[in-house]
Protein backbone atom coordinates (compact mmCIF):
# COMPACT_ATOMS: atom_id res chain seq x y z
CA UNK A 1 96.59 39.83 120.98
CA UNK A 2 96.27 39.38 116.79
CA UNK A 3 93.09 39.93 115.00
CA UNK A 4 92.81 37.21 112.24
CA UNK A 5 90.27 38.03 109.10
CA UNK A 6 87.71 35.36 108.20
CA UNK A 7 89.29 35.69 104.72
CA UNK A 8 92.70 34.11 106.00
CA UNK A 9 91.12 31.90 108.80
CA UNK A 10 91.18 28.63 107.30
CA UNK A 11 95.11 29.27 106.29
CA UNK A 12 96.06 30.04 109.95
CA UNK A 13 93.62 27.09 111.42
CA UNK A 14 95.54 25.09 109.43
CA UNK A 15 98.75 25.95 111.76
CA UNK A 16 99.73 24.01 114.58
CA UNK A 17 98.59 25.60 117.89
CA UNK A 18 101.70 26.62 119.31
CA UNK A 19 102.34 28.66 116.05
CA UNK A 20 98.71 29.99 116.02
CA UNK A 21 99.64 31.39 119.66
CA UNK A 22 103.17 32.60 118.52
CA UNK A 23 101.49 35.10 115.64
CA UNK A 24 98.41 35.83 118.25
CA UNK A 25 101.05 37.20 120.48
CA UNK A 26 102.82 39.25 118.39
CA UNK A 27 99.72 41.65 118.36
CA UNK A 28 99.94 42.03 114.59
CA UNK A 29 96.52 42.65 112.28
CA UNK A 30 96.23 39.62 110.02
CA UNK A 31 94.33 40.54 107.25
CA UNK A 32 95.77 38.92 104.11
CA UNK A 33 98.04 36.30 103.61
CA UNK A 34 100.94 39.10 102.80
CA UNK A 35 100.34 39.77 106.41
CA UNK A 36 100.17 36.27 107.85
CA UNK A 37 103.19 35.81 105.98
CA UNK A 38 105.07 38.97 107.67
CA UNK A 39 103.86 37.69 110.89
CA UNK A 40 105.51 34.15 110.01
CA UNK A 41 108.66 35.80 109.00
CA UNK A 42 108.59 37.90 112.35
CA UNK A 43 108.03 35.14 114.73
CA UNK A 44 110.82 33.27 112.83
CA UNK A 45 113.23 35.90 112.92
CA UNK A 46 112.80 36.36 116.80
CA UNK A 47 113.31 32.77 117.47
CA UNK A 48 116.45 32.83 115.63
CA UNK A 49 117.99 35.03 118.34
């Protein structure tokens, strides 16, 4: 389960619930906006397979 830093919590919380869950399911540490973007790219890439 991923951990979302308070620094980007507002960005994370503004996403749709199903996307939030997909991001949490990756297990990635989300400390910065760059981490969040990398995680989003990973989720998108996995869904394109």
